[in-house]
Amino acid sequence: MPEIVRVDDKIIGQIEDGVFTKRVRQTHMLRTPRAWGIDCKAFLEQVYHKTKTIRIEELDSGTVYEISTEVFNRRKGYLNRGFGPQYFVALKYWHQIRQGQKALL
């Protein structure tokens, strides 16, 4: 059964079989730098110690992005642009796959 990941009572994703999955719209991608982010508290308290892979499912195009949790942790930057503190990793470190393809990790 998936573990729900919440921030301030808002569901941001789920953990199942060592994979944290976050489903988002394209508008949630950071523009500068082009990156995907995760709430700092959720990452430290739930994602980091319970997963091996982080998956972002971009709902508008169906594109899936994956990165190992360890690479995310090593490459992460920090920002807070009014939506709470987030760790982010630039797109160049993510494996981009289309829906229906097997992950590279």
C-alpha atoms as a PDB file:
ATOM      1  CA  MET A   1       0.000   0.000   0.000  1.00  0.00           C
ATOM      2  CA  PRO A   2       1.444   3.422  -0.939  1.00  0.00           C
ATOM      3  CA  GLU A   3       2.555   5.838   1.768  1.00  0.00           C
ATOM      4  CA  ILE A   4       1.094   9.294   1.199  1.00  0.00           C
ATOM      5  CA  VAL A   5       3.559  12.201   1.433  1.00  0.00           C
ATOM      6  CA  ARG A   6       2.021  15.398   2.813  1.00  0.00           C
ATOM      7  CA  VAL A   7       3.133  18.950   3.441  1.00  0.00           C
ATOM      8  CA  ASP A   8       0.858  20.967   5.704  1.00  0.00           C
ATOM      9  CA  ASP A   9      -2.020  18.520   5.101  1.00  0.00           C
ATOM     10  CA  LYS A  10      -1.584  18.802   1.311  1.00  0.00           C
ATOM     11  CA  ILE A  11      -0.754  15.591  -0.544  1.00  0.00           C
ATOM     12  CA  ILE A  12       2.353  16.100  -2.667  1.00  0.00           C
ATOM     13  CA  GLY A  13       3.060  12.517  -3.684  1.00  0.00           C
ATOM     14  CA  GLN A  14       3.378   8.933  -2.587  1.00  0.00           C
ATOM     15  CA  ILE A  15       6.027   6.353  -1.787  1.00  0.00           C
ATOM     16  CA  GLU A  16       5.646   2.808  -3.031  1.00  0.00           C
ATOM     17  CA  ASP A  17       8.263   0.086  -3.521  1.00  0.00           C
ATOM     18  CA  GLY A  18      11.131   2.515  -2.882  1.00  0.00           C
ATOM     19  CA  VAL A  19       9.890   5.104  -5.389  1.00  0.00           C
ATOM     20  CA  PHE A  20       8.634   8.580  -4.511  1.00  0.00           C
ATOM     21  CA  THR A  21       6.176   9.692  -7.195  1.00  0.00           C
ATOM     22  CA  LYS A  22       4.995  13.263  -7.597  1.00  0.00           C
ATOM     23  CA  ARG A  23       2.392  14.114 -10.256  1.00  0.00           C
ATOM     24  CA  VAL A  24       2.509  17.730 -11.399  1.00  0.00           C
ATOM     25  CA  ARG A  25       1.590  20.116 -14.184  1.00  0.00           C
ATOM     26  CA  GLN A  26       4.273  21.611 -16.441  1.00  0.00           C
ATOM     27  CA  THR A  27       3.773  24.976 -14.713  1.00  0.00           C
ATOM     28  CA  HIS A  28       5.343  23.509 -11.541  1.00  0.00           C
ATOM     29  CA  MET A  29       8.742  23.092 -13.202  1.00  0.00           C
ATOM     30  CA  LEU A  30      11.261  25.688 -12.047  1.00  0.00           C
ATOM     31  CA  ARG A  31      12.173  28.039 -14.891  1.00  0.00           C
ATOM     32  CA  THR A  32      15.479  29.396 -13.609  1.00  0.00           C
ATOM     33  CA  PRO A  33      17.180  27.072 -13.297  1.00  0.00           C
ATOM     34  CA  ARG A  34      15.098  24.548 -15.258  1.00  0.00           C
ATOM     35  CA  ALA A  35      14.616  21.988 -12.532  1.00  0.00           C
ATOM     36  CA  TRP A  36      12.215  19.909 -10.493  1.00  0.00           C
ATOM     37  CA  GLY A  37      11.901  20.457  -6.770  1.00  0.00           C
ATOM     38  CA  ILE A  38      10.642  18.776  -3.616  1.00  0.00           C
ATOM     39  CA  ASP A  39       9.625  20.376  -0.347  1.00  0.00           C
ATOM     40  CA  CYS A  40      12.632  20.292   2.018  1.00  0.00           C
ATOM     41  CA  LYS A  41      10.759  18.913   5.006  1.00  0.00           C
ATOM     42  CA  ALA A  42       9.101  16.164   2.958  1.00  0.00           C
ATOM     43  CA  PHE A  43      12.439  15.203   1.414  1.00  0.00           C
ATOM     44  CA  LEU A  44      14.283  15.029   4.729  1.00  0.00           C
ATOM     45  CA  GLU A  45      11.531  13.385   6.773  1.00  0.00           C
ATOM     46  CA  GLN A  46       9.914  11.011   4.288  1.00  0.00           C
ATOM     47  CA  VAL A  47      11.606  10.698   0.901  1.00  0.00           C
ATOM     48  CA  TYR A  48      15.347  10.507   1.589  1.00  0.00           C
ATOM     49  CA  HIS A  49      15.408   7.549   3.964  1.00  0.00           C
ATOM     50  CA  LYS A  50      12.575   5.551   2.382  1.00  0.00           C
ATOM     51  CA  THR A  51      13.302   5.656  -1.347  1.00  0.00           C
ATOM     52  CA  LYS A  52      15.873   4.788  -3.997  1.00  0.00           C
ATOM     53  CA  THR A  53      14.203   6.673  -6.855  1.00  0.00           C
ATOM     54  CA  ILE A  54      12.345   9.959  -7.297  1.00  0.00           C
ATOM     55  CA  ARG A  55       9.858  10.122 -10.160  1.00  0.00           C
ATOM     56  CA  ILE A  56       8.101  13.215 -11.472  1.00  0.00           C
ATOM     57  CA  GLU A  57       5.104  12.526 -13.722  1.00  0.00           C
ATOM     58  CA  GLU A  58       4.345  15.642 -15.744  1.00  0.00           C
ATOM     59  CA  LEU A  59       0.624  15.416 -16.433  1.00  0.00           C
ATOM     60  CA  ASP A  60       0.338  17.773 -19.421  1.00  0.00           C
ATOM     61  CA  SER A  61       2.676  15.871 -21.764  1.00  0.00           C
ATOM     62  CA  GLY A  62       2.896  12.507 -20.018  1.00  0.00           C
ATOM     63  CA  THR A  63       6.662  12.875 -19.707  1.00  0.00           C
ATOM     64  CA  VAL A  64       8.225  11.096 -16.749  1.00  0.00           C
ATOM     65  CA  TYR A  65      11.453  12.248 -15.116  1.00  0.00           C
ATOM     66  CA  GLU A  66      13.486  10.018 -12.803  1.00  0.00           C
ATOM     67  CA  ILE A  67      16.562  10.432 -10.655  1.00  0.00           C
ATOM     68  CA  SER A  68      18.094   8.289  -7.929  1.00  0.00           C
ATOM     69  CA  THR A  69      17.471   9.638  -4.455  1.00  0.00           C
ATOM     70  CA  GLU A  70      21.240   9.663  -3.829  1.00  0.00           C
ATOM     71  CA  VAL A  71      21.958  11.751  -6.941  1.00  0.00           C
ATOM     72  CA  PHE A  72      19.126  14.117  -5.984  1.00  0.00           C
ATOM     73  CA  ASN A  73      20.659  14.499  -2.528  1.00  0.00           C
ATOM     74  CA  ARG A  74      24.185  15.138  -3.896  1.00  0.00           C
ATOM     75  CA  ARG A  75      23.079  17.593  -6.607  1.00  0.00           C
ATOM     76  CA  LYS A  76      20.316  19.452  -4.774  1.00  0.00           C
ATOM     77  CA  GLY A  77      20.165  23.199  -4.433  1.00  0.00           C
ATOM     78  CA  TYR A  78      17.939  25.191  -2.098  1.00  0.00           C
ATOM     79  CA  LEU A  79      15.388  27.898  -2.803  1.00  0.00           C
ATOM     80  CA  ASN A  80      12.270  29.501  -1.411  1.00  0.00           C
ATOM     81  CA  ARG A  81      10.240  31.542  -3.881  1.00  0.00           C
ATOM     82  CA  GLY A  82       7.167  31.949  -1.720  1.00  0.00           C
ATOM     83  CA  PHE A  83       5.929  28.349  -1.811  1.00  0.00           C
ATOM     84  CA  GLY A  84       8.020  27.120   1.108  1.00  0.00           C
ATOM     85  CA  PRO A  85      11.612  25.857   1.194  1.00  0.00           C
ATOM     86  CA  GLN A  86      12.437  23.437  -1.600  1.00  0.00           C
ATOM     87  CA  TYR A  87      15.360  21.381  -2.759  1.00  0.00           C
ATOM     88  CA  PHE A  88      15.754  21.295  -6.523  1.00  0.00           C
ATOM     89  CA  VAL A  89      17.905  19.503  -9.069  1.00  0.00           C
ATOM     90  CA  ALA A  90      18.545  20.794 -12.589  1.00  0.00           C
ATOM     91  CA  LEU A  91      16.930  18.892 -15.452  1.00  0.00           C
ATOM     92  CA  LYS A  92      20.296  17.757 -16.833  1.00  0.00           C
ATOM     93  CA  TYR A  93      20.585  15.273 -13.946  1.00  0.00           C
ATOM     94  CA  TRP A  94      17.157  13.689 -14.512  1.00  0.00           C
ATOM     95  CA  HIS A  95      16.469  10.798 -16.904  1.00  0.00           C
ATOM     96  CA  GLN A  96      13.591  11.857 -19.125  1.00  0.00           C
ATOM     97  CA  ILE A  97      11.360   9.049 -20.294  1.00  0.00           C
ATOM     98  CA  ARG A  98       7.974   8.944 -21.991  1.00  0.00           C
ATOM     99  CA  GLN A  99       5.022   7.310 -20.370  1.00  0.00           C
ATOM    100  CA  GLY A 100       5.047   3.579 -21.085  1.00  0.00           C
ATOM    101  CA  GLN A 101       8.828   3.268 -21.360  1.00  0.00           C
ATOM    102  CA  LYS A 102      10.919   1.521 -18.720  1.00  0.00           C
ATOM    103  CA  ALA A 103      12.949   3.693 -16.399  1.00  0.00           C
ATOM    104  CA  LEU A 104      16.715   3.864 -16.859  1.00  0.00           C
ATOM    105  CA  LEU A 105      17.385   3.579 -13.108  1.00  0.00           C
END
